[in-house]
Amino acid sequence: MSVSAILTFLGGIGLFLLGMRLMTEGLTSAAGSTLRVILSSATRSRVRAIASGIGITAVVQSSGAVIFATVGFVNASLLSLGQAIGIIYGSNIGTTFTSWIVALIGFNVDLQALAMPAIGVGMAMSVMGGARRYGSLGRALAGFGLFFLGIDVLRGAFEGVGDVVSLNQWAGEGVLSLLLFLVIGALLTTLMQSSSAALALTLTATAGGLIPLAAAAAMVIGANVGTTSIGLFAVFGSTAPAKRAAMAHVIFNVVSACVAFVLLPALLWVALQIAWLLGSTENLATSLAIFHTLVNILGLLIMWPLTDILVGFLQKRFKSAVEDFSRPMFLDRNVQSTPSLALDALAQELLRMNKIACDMAKAAISSEVTQRDLLQEGRLALENLSFEIGEFASGISREGMQAEQTGAIPDAQRVAQYLVNVVEHASTMVSLHSTAQLQDAHLMDARNALRAHVAQLLESVTSVGSDWDGKALNVSREAFEVEYQALKADFLTSGSSGVLAPRIMANALERLSELHRIADQAYKAAVYIDRYIRHTKVILTKPEAIPADVIKSGSASDLSQQ
């Protein structure tokens, strides 16, 4: 190949990738929150989730974008693992739409006559519409034009190349030869981060006579494997549920690829028969598009009955240290019929949850930025634990229980919600409002002293049920309120007099408010735990703390140095 031909080939790939990106970003931006709404609505049935995955991927022309979004929604607890798996199944089928576009349009029409007007009209819409939805649709249309222009360039680049560079010598009948092309397909997808680009390259190369049909089919299978790298990139820094969703994508594609590779001759024969029925036996690209669709449908047929097993398998994997705390330690369903034992178990779980929540909040106050991901994951874990406590409490037998004990059970559910709120406010404090650098030494010292006071208060509320001193806690809580109001007034005065910039003052007040809410919710939780213990007359043991290697919370005395 000449240097000019190589550069033309690379330019065709560049145009195709640029068009794909513009299409995906433009359509996703134009959709706004619609993508989120559609994905979130796929909760009623697995069929609906699969249909959503097919439809969205076919529209935005990027299974990678849909997988990224799905993993993100699992990470934010907007989708369960089961719902996400349905969308992943559908997304793999929806991505075959690209193959059909290339096969049915890319080799049957004058692509430049289609591409140039789309680029021109699309960019005009983009310039006039700007960041609005109209402009996003324009960029998507321009991307659509570049997509076809790239196909046209690739098609021209491959014409006659087979006479100079032929891969037929590698495309024997053996398994090793087909494995080689499978690896090539996987590498192309990984390098270009687009299975659609790899498939378009495969289809155009096959139509140009560069790659035999069987070898191209192996490359299609490889592209399916390579697309799993896109999903894996989405889980860096994500929670355990997001990692499970990404692994579900990997398992689906790997299982589909393995079965398809074993059945490659049979699937290719079926694809050729369907192409013959459609009158497209001479169009090798159409046969490959049919083959690509069959591979993913086969994967769906295999994995559909195994989905519940897959969910159960993944739920036991990627357990994080914090997530382990979301599982109750003391709530044994077998004791619910014995009120005294059930009330005791509930008290132990509340004390354990109280210790976990307060340790997390102290960690947030002590080392705010580094605890951001941990707090988010911890909040989700405590929400699950709160749900388990509510379920257990509602199932306790009331038979033979004293009225005072019966009345205490709602306090347990109230405590659980207070403790979830503690971690939620701590998470909000470090996520939304960064620490303001105060130039005034008095304000800095007062703020650090208040933070230390909250840490001490959190430490004292964890002693509830053992060395509990309710009166001392009330005194500490009242002293904190006075200190909080004084510092709040100082911030407002400094802001109005110009000592603090308005933005810094607002930021500091927001953080101060979250700190106040942490103290308030932790105090209420302690009061109601104490009331629950007194009314139920349970026997207590020392609550479990969070291991030091999970949360390294600084002591209250360290705060004055920050």
Protein backbone atom coordinates (compact mmCIF):
# COMPACT_ATOMS: atom_id res chain seq x y z
CA MET A 1 0.00 0.00 0.00
CA SER A 2 1.18 3.52 -0.75
CA VAL A 3 1.55 6.19 1.89
CA SER A 4 -1.41 8.01 0.33
CA ALA A 5 -3.61 4.91 0.63
CA ILE A 6 -2.62 4.44 4.27
CA LEU A 7 -3.41 8.06 5.08
CA THR A 8 -6.74 7.78 3.26
CA PHE A 9 -7.54 4.66 5.25
CA LEU A 10 -6.71 6.40 8.55
CA GLY A 11 -8.71 9.44 7.49
CA GLY A 12 -11.74 7.25 6.79
CA ILE A 13 -11.51 5.74 10.28
CA GLY A 14 -11.13 9.23 11.76
CA LEU A 15 -14.20 10.52 9.93
CA PHE A 16 -16.21 7.49 11.03
CA LEU A 17 -15.19 7.86 14.71
CA LEU A 18 -15.80 11.61 14.66
CA GLY A 19 -19.22 11.07 13.13
CA MET A 20 -20.08 8.43 15.72
CA ARG A 21 -19.04 10.73 18.55
CA LEU A 22 -20.99 13.69 17.23
CA MET A 23 -24.08 11.52 16.72
CA THR A 24 -23.88 10.01 20.19
CA GLU A 25 -23.13 13.25 22.03
CA GLY A 26 -25.67 15.24 20.01
CA LEU A 27 -28.51 12.78 20.49
CA THR A 28 -27.67 12.23 24.16
CA SER A 29 -27.55 15.98 24.78
CA ALA A 30 -30.79 16.55 22.85
CA ALA A 31 -32.48 13.85 24.87
CA GLY A 32 -31.56 15.64 28.09
CA SER A 33 -33.05 13.71 30.98
CA THR A 34 -35.06 11.48 28.62
CA LEU A 35 -32.35 8.81 28.61
CA ARG A 36 -32.43 8.72 32.37
CA VAL A 37 -36.22 8.58 32.41
CA ILE A 38 -36.34 5.73 29.92
CA LEU A 39 -33.69 3.73 31.73
CA SER A 40 -35.29 4.36 35.10
CA SER A 41 -38.70 3.34 33.78
CA ALA A 42 -37.36 -0.08 32.78
CA THR A 43 -38.26 -1.45 36.20
CA ARG A 44 -41.52 -3.24 35.62
CA SER A 45 -40.26 -6.24 33.66
CA ARG A 46 -37.13 -7.69 32.11
CA VAL A 47 -38.74 -7.57 28.67
CA ARG A 48 -39.25 -3.85 29.02
CA ALA A 49 -35.63 -3.39 30.11
CA ILE A 50 -34.40 -5.30 27.05
CA ALA A 51 -36.66 -3.27 24.76
CA SER A 52 -35.33 -0.05 26.29
CA GLY A 53 -31.75 -1.19 25.76
CA ILE A 54 -32.43 -2.06 22.11
CA GLY A 55 -34.28 1.18 21.37
CA ILE A 56 -31.86 3.57 23.06
CA THR A 57 -28.76 1.94 21.56
CA ALA A 58 -30.30 1.92 18.08
CA VAL A 59 -31.06 5.64 18.39
CA VAL A 60 -27.83 6.95 19.94
CA GLN A 61 -25.72 4.47 17.91
CA SER A 62 -23.41 3.65 20.82
CA SER A 63 -23.71 0.65 23.08
CA GLY A 64 -20.78 2.10 25.02
CA ALA A 65 -22.77 5.24 25.90
CA VAL A 66 -25.72 3.16 27.06
CA ILE A 67 -23.48 0.86 29.12
CA PHE A 68 -21.78 3.89 30.70
CA ALA A 69 -25.17 5.39 31.56
CA THR A 70 -26.51 2.09 32.91
CA VAL A 71 -23.49 1.51 35.13
CA GLY A 72 -23.78 5.11 36.33
CA PHE A 73 -27.45 4.66 37.25
CA VAL A 74 -26.65 1.43 39.10
CA ASN A 75 -23.91 3.35 40.88
CA ALA A 76 -26.50 5.93 41.94
CA SER A 77 -29.01 3.22 42.95
CA LEU A 78 -31.48 4.36 40.27
CA LEU A 79 -31.44 0.87 38.75
CA SER A 80 -31.13 -2.52 40.37
CA LEU A 81 -28.70 -5.11 39.06
CA GLY A 82 -31.54 -7.15 37.52
CA GLN A 83 -32.89 -4.13 35.65
CA ALA A 84 -29.42 -3.16 34.46
CA ILE A 85 -28.77 -6.64 33.10
CA GLY A 86 -31.94 -6.44 30.98
CA ILE A 87 -30.77 -3.14 29.49
CA ILE A 88 -27.32 -4.64 28.83
CA TYR A 89 -28.91 -7.55 26.96
CA GLY A 90 -30.93 -5.15 24.84
CA SER A 91 -27.98 -2.85 24.21
CA ASN A 92 -25.99 -5.69 22.67
CA ILE A 93 -28.82 -6.38 20.24
CA GLY A 94 -29.35 -2.67 19.53
CA THR A 95 -25.72 -2.20 18.54
CA THR A 96 -26.28 -4.50 15.54
CA PHE A 97 -28.27 -1.64 14.01
CA THR A 98 -24.96 -0.09 12.90
CA SER A 99 -24.14 -3.20 10.88
CA TRP A 100 -27.50 -2.95 9.12
CA ILE A 101 -26.97 0.72 8.29
CA VAL A 102 -23.59 -0.02 6.74
CA ALA A 103 -24.88 -3.09 4.87
CA LEU A 104 -28.17 -1.70 3.53
CA ILE A 105 -27.24 1.94 2.93
CA GLY A 106 -23.45 2.06 2.79
CA PHE A 107 -23.16 -0.10 -0.33
CA ASN A 108 -26.34 0.82 -2.18
CA VAL A 109 -26.48 4.62 -2.38
CA ASP A 110 -24.22 7.53 -3.27
CA LEU A 111 -22.93 8.22 0.21
CA GLN A 112 -21.45 11.63 -0.59
CA ALA A 113 -24.81 12.78 -1.95
CA LEU A 114 -26.30 11.75 1.41
CA ALA A 115 -23.43 12.87 3.65
CA MET A 116 -22.69 16.38 2.39
CA PRO A 117 -26.19 17.84 2.81
CA ALA A 118 -26.44 16.26 6.27
CA ILE A 119 -23.14 17.84 7.32
CA GLY A 120 -24.09 21.23 5.91
CA VAL A 121 -27.59 21.36 7.37
CA GLY A 122 -26.43 19.87 10.66
CA MET A 123 -23.65 22.39 11.22
CA ALA A 124 -25.99 25.26 10.30
CA MET A 125 -28.41 24.02 12.96
CA SER A 126 -25.54 23.67 15.43
CA VAL A 127 -24.31 27.24 14.86
CA MET A 128 -27.80 28.75 15.14
CA GLY A 129 -28.97 26.53 17.99
CA GLY A 130 -25.85 26.66 20.14
CA ALA A 131 -26.18 24.65 23.34
CA ARG A 132 -29.95 24.28 23.00
CA ARG A 133 -31.65 21.06 21.94
CA TYR A 134 -31.96 22.37 18.37
CA GLY A 135 -28.19 22.78 18.19
CA SER A 136 -27.60 19.31 19.67
CA LEU A 137 -29.82 17.77 17.01
CA GLY A 138 -27.81 19.66 14.40
CA ARG A 139 -24.54 18.20 15.69
CA ALA A 140 -26.12 14.74 15.63
CA LEU A 141 -27.17 15.29 11.99
CA ALA A 142 -23.67 16.48 11.08
CA GLY A 143 -22.26 13.41 12.82
CA PHE A 144 -24.62 11.28 10.77
CA GLY A 145 -23.18 12.82 7.62
CA LEU A 146 -19.58 12.31 8.75
CA PHE A 147 -20.47 8.71 9.64
CA PHE A 148 -21.45 7.97 6.02
CA LEU A 149 -18.60 10.03 4.60
CA GLY A 150 -16.19 7.89 6.62
CA ILE A 151 -17.80 4.72 5.25
CA ASP A 152 -17.44 6.08 1.72
CA VAL A 153 -13.74 6.85 2.26
CA LEU A 154 -13.13 3.40 3.74
CA ARG A 155 -14.99 1.75 0.88
CA GLY A 156 -12.80 3.56 -1.61
CA ALA A 157 -9.65 2.78 0.37
CA PHE A 158 -10.38 -0.96 0.30
CA GLU A 159 -11.10 -1.11 -3.44
CA GLY A 160 -8.17 -2.83 -5.05
CA VAL A 161 -6.29 -3.23 -1.78
CA GLY A 162 -6.96 -6.96 -1.87
CA ASP A 163 -4.71 -7.22 -4.92
CA VAL A 164 -1.80 -5.80 -2.94
CA VAL A 165 -2.42 -6.85 0.67
CA SER A 166 -4.42 -10.02 1.11
CA LEU A 167 -5.33 -11.61 4.41
CA ASN A 168 -6.46 -14.79 2.69
CA GLN A 169 -3.13 -16.40 3.51
CA TRP A 170 -4.01 -16.08 7.20
CA ALA A 171 -7.63 -17.08 6.72
CA GLY A 172 -7.31 -20.82 6.56
CA GLU A 173 -9.92 -23.33 7.57
CA GLY A 174 -8.36 -24.08 10.96
CA VAL A 175 -9.48 -22.92 14.38
CA LEU A 176 -6.24 -21.02 15.03
CA SER A 177 -6.80 -18.91 11.93
CA LEU A 178 -10.30 -17.96 13.06
CA LEU A 179 -9.00 -17.26 16.58
CA LEU A 180 -6.47 -14.86 15.08
CA PHE A 181 -9.23 -12.84 13.39
CA LEU A 182 -11.31 -12.94 16.57
CA VAL A 183 -8.39 -11.37 18.45
CA ILE A 184 -7.97 -8.78 15.69
CA GLY A 185 -11.65 -7.81 16.03
CA ALA A 186 -11.34 -7.52 19.81
CA LEU A 187 -8.18 -5.40 19.56
CA LEU A 188 -9.70 -3.07 16.97
CA THR A 189 -12.72 -2.45 19.19
CA THR A 190 -10.56 -1.87 22.26
CA LEU A 191 -8.20 0.51 20.47
CA MET A 192 -10.95 2.52 18.78
CA GLN A 193 -13.29 2.23 21.80
CA SER A 194 -16.16 1.62 19.40
CA SER A 195 -17.53 -1.73 18.34
CA SER A 196 -19.51 0.11 15.67
CA ALA A 197 -16.29 1.45 14.14
CA ALA A 198 -14.69 -1.99 14.23
CA LEU A 199 -17.76 -3.55 12.61
CA ALA A 200 -17.90 -0.89 9.90
CA LEU A 201 -14.23 -1.51 9.17
CA THR A 202 -14.84 -5.27 9.00
CA LEU A 203 -17.86 -4.94 6.74
CA THR A 204 -16.16 -2.56 4.30
CA ALA A 205 -12.99 -4.68 4.22
CA THR A 206 -15.05 -7.80 3.51
CA ALA A 207 -17.02 -6.06 0.76
CA GLY A 208 -13.70 -4.94 -0.76
CA GLY A 209 -12.45 -8.51 -0.91
CA LEU A 210 -9.74 -8.01 1.70
CA ILE A 211 -11.15 -10.40 4.31
CA PRO A 212 -12.91 -13.73 3.61
CA LEU A 213 -16.42 -14.12 5.00
CA ALA A 214 -15.56 -16.72 7.68
CA ALA A 215 -12.66 -14.64 8.96
CA ALA A 216 -14.88 -11.53 8.99
CA ALA A 217 -17.46 -13.44 11.02
CA ALA A 218 -14.74 -14.25 13.57
CA MET A 219 -13.84 -10.54 13.68
CA VAL A 220 -17.49 -9.72 14.39
CA ILE A 221 -17.40 -12.09 17.36
CA GLY A 222 -14.14 -10.46 18.47
CA ALA A 223 -15.73 -7.01 18.29
CA ASN A 224 -18.40 -8.23 20.69
CA VAL A 225 -15.69 -9.28 23.13
CA GLY A 226 -13.75 -6.04 22.69
CA THR A 227 -16.75 -3.89 23.55
CA THR A 228 -16.61 -5.18 27.13
CA SER A 229 -13.59 -2.92 27.69
CA ILE A 230 -15.91 0.08 27.27
CA GLY A 231 -18.06 -1.08 30.17
CA LEU A 232 -15.05 -1.92 32.32
CA PHE A 233 -13.72 1.63 31.98
CA ALA A 234 -16.97 2.86 33.56
CA VAL A 235 -16.33 1.13 36.88
CA PHE A 236 -13.09 2.81 37.92
CA GLY A 237 -13.84 4.45 41.25
CA SER A 238 -17.40 3.12 41.22
CA THR A 239 -19.29 1.22 43.88
CA ALA A 240 -19.64 -2.55 44.13
CA PRO A 241 -23.10 -2.54 42.42
CA ALA A 242 -21.63 -0.71 39.40
CA LYS A 243 -18.83 -3.27 39.14
CA ARG A 244 -21.40 -6.07 39.17
CA ALA A 245 -23.30 -4.43 36.30
CA ALA A 246 -20.10 -4.09 34.26
CA MET A 247 -19.21 -7.71 34.97
CA ALA A 248 -22.68 -8.76 33.77
CA HIS A 249 -21.87 -7.06 30.45
CA VAL A 250 -18.55 -8.92 30.27
CA ILE A 251 -20.15 -12.29 31.07
CA PHE A 252 -22.91 -11.82 28.48
CA ASN A 253 -20.49 -10.93 25.70
CA VAL A 254 -17.91 -13.59 26.57
CA VAL A 255 -20.54 -16.34 26.81
CA SER A 256 -22.12 -15.20 23.53
CA ALA A 257 -18.71 -15.10 21.85
CA CYS A 258 -17.66 -18.56 23.06
CA VAL A 259 -20.90 -20.21 21.93
CA ALA A 260 -20.93 -18.29 18.64
CA PHE A 261 -17.33 -19.25 17.91
CA VAL A 262 -18.09 -22.94 18.48
CA LEU A 263 -21.19 -22.66 16.26
CA LEU A 264 -19.60 -20.28 13.74
CA PRO A 265 -20.05 -22.51 10.65
CA ALA A 266 -23.69 -23.23 11.53
CA LEU A 267 -24.50 -19.57 12.31
CA LEU A 268 -22.79 -18.41 9.13
CA TRP A 269 -24.78 -20.94 7.11
CA VAL A 270 -28.03 -19.68 8.70
CA ALA A 271 -26.99 -16.09 7.95
CA LEU A 272 -26.34 -16.96 4.30
CA GLN A 273 -29.72 -18.69 4.02
CA ILE A 274 -31.49 -15.63 5.45
CA ALA A 275 -29.52 -13.40 3.05
CA TRP A 276 -30.63 -15.63 0.19
CA LEU A 277 -34.27 -15.29 1.28
CA LEU A 278 -33.78 -11.52 1.36
CA GLY A 279 -32.22 -11.58 -2.08
CA SER A 280 -28.86 -10.32 -0.80
CA THR A 281 -26.58 -13.29 -1.39
CA GLU A 282 -24.10 -11.11 -3.32
CA ASN A 283 -23.93 -8.53 -0.56
CA LEU A 284 -21.44 -9.99 1.93
CA ALA A 285 -21.99 -7.04 4.28
CA THR A 286 -25.65 -7.99 4.62
CA SER A 287 -24.69 -11.57 5.48
CA LEU A 288 -22.34 -10.26 8.17
CA ALA A 289 -25.03 -7.95 9.57
CA ILE A 290 -27.38 -10.94 9.81
CA PHE A 291 -24.59 -12.97 11.44
CA HIS A 292 -23.93 -10.17 13.98
CA THR A 293 -27.62 -10.07 14.90
CA LEU A 294 -27.80 -13.86 15.25
CA VAL A 295 -24.79 -13.87 17.61
CA ASN A 296 -26.40 -11.41 20.00
CA ILE A 297 -29.83 -13.03 19.82
CA LEU A 298 -28.16 -16.35 20.58
CA GLY A 299 -26.51 -14.75 23.61
CA LEU A 300 -29.89 -13.47 24.79
CA LEU A 301 -31.50 -16.90 24.39
CA ILE A 302 -28.69 -18.49 26.40
CA MET A 303 -28.53 -15.91 29.19
CA TRP A 304 -32.27 -15.22 29.59
CA PRO A 305 -33.03 -18.36 31.65
CA LEU A 306 -29.76 -17.91 33.57
CA THR A 307 -30.35 -14.28 34.54
CA ASP A 308 -31.54 -14.95 38.09
CA ILE A 309 -28.54 -17.23 38.65
CA LEU A 310 -26.27 -14.53 37.22
CA VAL A 311 -27.75 -11.89 39.53
CA GLY A 312 -27.31 -14.16 42.54
CA PHE A 313 -23.72 -14.94 41.54
CA LEU A 314 -22.79 -11.27 41.07
CA GLN A 315 -24.48 -10.17 44.29
CA LYS A 316 -21.91 -12.25 46.16
CA ARG A 317 -19.00 -10.66 44.33
CA PHE A 318 -17.20 -7.32 44.69
CA LYS A 319 -18.17 -6.97 48.32
CA SER A 320 -16.70 -3.80 49.76
CA ALA A 321 -15.82 -3.40 53.42
CA VAL A 322 -18.52 -0.78 53.91
CA GLU A 323 -21.15 -2.76 52.03
CA ASP A 324 -20.67 -5.66 54.44
CA PHE A 325 -22.13 -3.43 57.14
CA SER A 326 -25.40 -3.22 55.23
CA ARG A 327 -26.12 -6.82 56.18
CA PRO A 328 -27.69 -7.19 59.64
CA MET A 329 -25.60 -9.00 62.22
CA PHE A 330 -28.20 -9.57 64.94
CA LEU A 331 -31.55 -9.70 63.12
CA ASP A 332 -32.34 -13.41 63.08
CA ARG A 333 -35.85 -14.05 61.73
CA ASN A 334 -36.13 -17.14 63.92
CA VAL A 335 -36.39 -15.01 67.09
CA GLN A 336 -39.20 -12.76 65.86
CA SER A 337 -41.78 -14.99 67.50
CA THR A 338 -40.09 -14.52 70.90
CA PRO A 339 -40.55 -10.83 71.79
CA SER A 340 -37.83 -10.61 74.43
CA LEU A 341 -35.19 -12.04 72.11
CA ALA A 342 -36.41 -10.02 69.13
CA LEU A 343 -36.33 -6.73 71.06
CA ASP A 344 -32.83 -7.53 72.29
CA ALA A 345 -31.62 -8.31 68.74
CA LEU A 346 -33.15 -5.07 67.47
CA ALA A 347 -31.39 -3.06 70.18
CA GLN A 348 -28.04 -4.64 69.33
CA GLU A 349 -28.47 -3.83 65.64
CA LEU A 350 -29.42 -0.22 66.42
CA LEU A 351 -26.33 0.22 68.57
CA ARG A 352 -24.20 -1.26 65.80
CA MET A 353 -25.77 1.04 63.20
CA ASN A 354 -25.30 4.01 65.53
CA LYS A 355 -21.60 3.23 65.87
CA ILE A 356 -21.16 2.87 62.11
CA ALA A 357 -22.98 6.13 61.31
CA CYS A 358 -21.12 8.15 63.92
CA ASP A 359 -17.74 6.78 62.85
CA MET A 360 -18.50 7.73 59.25
CA ALA A 361 -19.59 11.22 60.24
CA LYS A 362 -16.44 11.74 62.33
CA ALA A 363 -14.39 10.62 59.34
CA ALA A 364 -16.17 13.17 57.16
CA ILE A 365 -15.44 15.98 59.61
CA SER A 366 -11.81 14.95 60.01
CA SER A 367 -10.75 14.21 56.42
CA GLU A 368 -13.49 15.47 54.17
CA VAL A 369 -12.28 15.17 50.58
CA THR A 370 -10.75 11.71 50.90
CA GLN A 371 -13.94 10.22 52.35
CA ARG A 372 -16.31 11.29 49.55
CA ASP A 373 -16.75 7.92 47.80
CA LEU A 374 -16.77 6.02 51.09
CA LEU A 375 -19.56 8.19 52.48
CA GLN A 376 -21.70 7.73 49.37
CA GLU A 377 -21.30 3.98 49.55
CA GLY A 378 -21.84 4.03 53.32
CA ARG A 379 -25.09 5.96 52.93
CA LEU A 380 -26.44 3.32 50.55
CA ALA A 381 -25.35 0.57 52.96
CA LEU A 382 -27.10 2.22 55.90
CA GLU A 383 -30.26 2.74 53.85
CA ASN A 384 -30.34 -0.99 53.23
CA LEU A 385 -29.71 -1.69 56.90
CA SER A 386 -32.50 0.72 57.83
CA PHE A 387 -34.86 -1.20 55.54
CA GLU A 388 -33.83 -4.50 57.16
CA ILE A 389 -34.47 -3.04 60.61
CA GLY A 390 -37.91 -1.83 59.57
CA GLU A 391 -38.80 -5.24 58.10
CA PHE A 392 -37.61 -7.03 61.22
CA ALA A 393 -39.41 -4.65 63.59
CA SER A 394 -42.72 -5.01 61.75
CA GLY A 395 -42.49 -8.81 61.99
CA ILE A 396 -41.96 -9.02 65.76
CA SER A 397 -44.78 -10.86 67.50
CA ARG A 398 -46.75 -8.56 69.83
CA GLU A 399 -48.23 -11.47 71.80
CA GLY A 400 -47.49 -11.18 75.53
CA MET A 401 -45.66 -7.90 75.05
CA GLN A 402 -46.19 -5.04 77.49
CA ALA A 403 -47.70 -1.82 76.17
CA GLU A 404 -44.50 0.08 76.90
CA GLN A 405 -42.49 -2.41 74.85
CA THR A 406 -44.95 -2.31 71.95
CA GLY A 407 -44.78 1.49 71.92
CA ALA A 408 -40.99 1.38 71.76
CA ILE A 409 -40.82 -0.52 68.47
CA PRO A 410 -41.57 2.53 66.28
CA ASP A 411 -38.65 4.25 68.04
CA ALA A 412 -36.32 1.69 66.48
CA GLN A 413 -37.43 2.65 62.97
CA ARG A 414 -37.15 6.32 63.86
CA VAL A 415 -33.57 5.80 65.06
CA ALA A 416 -32.60 4.02 61.85
CA GLN A 417 -33.82 6.94 59.74
CA TYR A 418 -31.99 9.47 61.94
CA LEU A 419 -28.75 7.55 61.46
CA VAL A 420 -29.20 7.40 57.68
CA ASN A 421 -29.68 11.17 57.81
CA VAL A 422 -26.42 11.58 59.74
CA VAL A 423 -24.38 9.99 56.96
CA GLU A 424 -26.43 11.68 54.23
CA HIS A 425 -25.67 15.12 55.67
CA ALA A 426 -22.00 14.18 56.07
CA SER A 427 -21.92 13.09 52.42
CA THR A 428 -23.61 16.31 51.31
CA MET A 429 -21.17 18.36 53.35
CA VAL A 430 -18.09 16.93 51.64
CA SER A 431 -19.63 16.49 48.17
CA LEU A 432 -21.39 19.76 47.50
CA HIS A 433 -19.60 22.35 49.58
CA SER A 434 -15.81 22.38 49.61
CA THR A 435 -14.00 23.81 52.62
CA ALA A 436 -13.54 27.55 52.31
CA GLN A 437 -10.08 28.94 53.09
CA LEU A 438 -10.68 31.57 55.74
CA GLN A 439 -8.12 34.36 56.07
CA ASP A 440 -9.51 35.56 59.39
CA ALA A 441 -7.75 33.65 62.21
CA HIS A 442 -10.64 34.12 64.64
CA LEU A 443 -13.17 32.60 62.22
CA MET A 444 -10.81 29.75 61.38
CA ASP A 445 -10.26 28.90 65.05
CA ALA A 446 -13.97 29.15 65.84
CA ARG A 447 -14.89 26.88 62.95
CA ASN A 448 -12.28 24.28 63.89
CA ALA A 449 -13.46 24.40 67.49
CA LEU A 450 -17.04 23.79 66.40
CA ARG A 451 -15.98 20.84 64.26
CA ALA A 452 -14.08 19.41 67.22
CA HIS A 453 -17.18 19.89 69.37
CA VAL A 454 -19.31 17.92 66.90
CA ALA A 455 -16.72 15.13 66.81
CA GLN A 456 -16.78 14.95 70.60
CA LEU A 457 -20.57 14.90 70.57
CA LEU A 458 -20.56 12.05 68.05
CA GLU A 459 -18.12 10.17 70.25
CA SER A 460 -20.33 10.62 73.30
CA VAL A 461 -23.54 9.43 71.62
CA THR A 462 -21.89 6.10 70.74
CA SER A 463 -21.76 5.30 74.48
CA VAL A 464 -25.55 5.05 74.64
CA GLY A 465 -26.63 1.84 76.33
CA SER A 466 -23.44 1.47 78.39
CA ASP A 467 -21.73 4.47 80.00
CA TRP A 468 -24.63 6.67 78.99
CA ASP A 469 -24.99 10.09 80.56
CA GLY A 470 -28.04 11.75 79.09
CA LYS A 471 -27.74 14.88 81.20
CA ALA A 472 -24.12 15.45 80.14
CA LEU A 473 -25.15 15.00 76.51
CA ASN A 474 -27.92 17.58 76.89
CA VAL A 475 -25.43 20.06 78.35
CA SER A 476 -23.01 19.39 75.48
CA ARG A 477 -25.80 19.75 72.92
CA GLU A 478 -26.93 23.09 74.37
CA ALA A 479 -23.34 24.36 74.45
CA PHE A 480 -22.93 23.35 70.82
CA GLU A 481 -26.10 25.24 69.85
CA VAL A 482 -24.80 28.42 71.49
CA GLU A 483 -21.43 28.00 69.78
CA TYR A 484 -23.11 27.32 66.43
CA GLN A 485 -25.35 30.38 66.58
CA ALA A 486 -22.40 32.60 67.57
CA LEU A 487 -20.26 31.37 64.68
CA LYS A 488 -23.16 31.74 62.25
CA ALA A 489 -23.59 35.35 63.38
CA ASP A 490 -19.84 35.96 62.97
CA PHE A 491 -19.95 34.65 59.41
CA LEU A 492 -22.90 36.88 58.55
CA THR A 493 -21.22 39.91 60.10
CA SER A 494 -17.95 39.21 58.30
CA GLY A 495 -19.78 38.82 55.02
CA SER A 496 -21.72 42.07 55.38
CA SER A 497 -18.63 44.04 56.42
CA GLY A 498 -16.47 42.77 53.55
CA VAL A 499 -14.12 40.63 55.63
CA LEU A 500 -15.46 37.59 53.76
CA ALA A 501 -16.40 37.51 50.09
CA PRO A 502 -20.14 36.77 49.62
CA ARG A 503 -19.44 33.45 47.87
CA ILE A 504 -17.08 32.27 50.63
CA MET A 505 -19.57 33.33 53.29
CA ALA A 506 -22.41 31.42 51.59
CA ASN A 507 -20.19 28.35 51.23
CA ALA A 508 -19.15 28.47 54.88
CA LEU A 509 -22.75 28.86 56.04
CA GLU A 510 -23.83 25.87 53.94
CA ARG A 511 -21.16 23.70 55.51
CA LEU A 512 -22.05 25.02 58.94
CA SER A 513 -25.69 24.10 58.35
CA GLU A 514 -24.78 20.52 57.33
CA LEU A 515 -22.58 20.23 60.43
CA HIS A 516 -25.52 21.37 62.56
CA ARG A 517 -27.80 18.78 60.95
CA ILE A 518 -25.26 16.02 61.63
CA ALA A 519 -25.16 16.91 65.31
CA ASP A 520 -28.95 17.27 65.49
CA GLN A 521 -29.74 13.91 63.87
CA ALA A 522 -27.07 12.06 65.88
CA TYR A 523 -28.43 13.58 69.11
CA LYS A 524 -32.00 12.56 68.28
CA ALA A 525 -30.89 9.04 67.40
CA ALA A 526 -29.13 8.69 70.76
CA VAL A 527 -32.14 9.97 72.69
CA TYR A 528 -34.51 7.52 71.02
CA ILE A 529 -32.08 4.62 71.37
CA ASP A 530 -31.92 5.35 75.08
CA ARG A 531 -35.70 5.50 75.28
CA TYR A 532 -36.03 2.22 73.37
CA ILE A 533 -33.57 0.50 75.72
CA ARG A 534 -35.31 1.78 78.84
CA HIS A 535 -38.78 0.82 77.65
CA THR A 536 -37.85 -2.63 76.36
CA LYS A 537 -35.45 -3.46 79.24
CA VAL A 538 -33.07 -5.34 76.93
CA ILE A 539 -29.66 -6.79 77.81
CA LEU A 540 -26.85 -5.22 75.79
CA THR A 541 -23.35 -6.04 74.61
CA LYS A 542 -20.69 -3.71 73.23
CA PRO A 543 -21.54 -2.56 69.67
CA GLU A 544 -19.24 -3.37 66.78
CA ALA A 545 -17.02 -0.60 65.50
CA ILE A 546 -15.84 -0.03 61.96
CA PRO A 547 -12.33 -1.46 61.47
CA ALA A 548 -9.56 1.10 61.30
CA ASP A 549 -8.55 -0.01 57.81
CA VAL A 550 -12.02 0.86 56.50
CA ILE A 551 -12.43 4.32 57.98
CA LYS A 552 -9.54 6.22 59.47
CA SER A 553 -11.28 8.96 61.39
CA GLY A 554 -9.22 11.64 63.05
CA SER A 555 -9.67 12.41 66.69
CA ALA A 556 -11.43 15.52 67.84
CA SER A 557 -8.17 17.01 69.07
CA ASP A 558 -6.70 16.74 65.59
CA LEU A 559 -9.37 18.99 64.12
CA SER A 560 -7.98 22.17 65.61
CA GLN A 561 -4.87 21.63 63.48
CA GLN A 562 -6.81 21.51 60.20
